[in-house]
Amino acid sequence: MRFKPRILEAVAWGLRSGLEPVRRISSPPSTLSLLGQR
C-alpha cells in the first residue's frame, strides 16, 4: 500500500461530494423533506 491516506481521503471526499447531488436529483421527494427538516 504505497497510497497515502491523504489521497484516499481526497478520493473518498470527491466521491461523496459527487454522489450527493446525484442522489438528491434521482432520489424521491423524501430527501427534500429531510433537507427541509435541517
Protein backbone atom coordinates (compact mmCIF):
# COMPACT_ATOMS: atom_id res chain seq x y z
CA MET A 1 0.00 0.00 0.00
CA ARG A 2 2.04 2.96 -1.25
CA PHE A 3 -1.05 5.15 -1.38
CA LYS A 4 -1.03 7.98 1.12
CA PRO A 5 -4.04 8.39 3.47
CA ARG A 6 -4.49 11.93 2.15
CA ILE A 7 -5.05 10.63 -1.38
CA LEU A 8 -7.61 8.07 -0.17
CA GLU A 9 -9.37 10.73 1.87
CA ALA A 10 -9.42 13.12 -1.08
CA VAL A 11 -10.85 10.43 -3.36
CA ALA A 12 -13.47 9.44 -0.78
CA TRP A 13 -14.45 13.09 -0.26
CA GLY A 14 -14.65 13.63 -4.02
CA LEU A 15 -16.92 10.61 -4.45
CA ARG A 16 -19.16 11.78 -1.60
CA SER A 17 -19.43 15.34 -2.92
CA GLY A 18 -20.07 13.97 -6.42
CA LEU A 19 -22.74 11.48 -5.34
CA GLU A 20 -24.69 13.81 -3.05
CA PRO A 21 -26.23 15.99 -5.83
CA VAL A 22 -26.94 12.88 -7.92
CA ARG A 23 -28.81 11.28 -5.02
CA ARG A 24 -30.82 14.46 -4.44
CA ILE A 25 -31.85 14.60 -8.11
CA SER A 26 -32.52 10.89 -8.67
CA SER A 27 -33.98 10.13 -5.21
CA PRO A 28 -37.71 10.53 -4.36
CA PRO A 29 -39.14 13.68 -2.69
CA SER A 30 -38.49 12.07 0.71
CA THR A 31 -34.98 13.58 0.57
CA LEU A 32 -36.49 17.03 0.07
CA SER A 33 -38.40 16.60 3.33
CA LEU A 34 -35.16 15.57 5.06
CA LEU A 35 -33.39 18.64 3.69
CA GLY A 36 -36.29 20.82 4.83
CA GLN A 37 -36.01 19.49 8.37
CA ARG A 38 -32.38 20.61 8.57
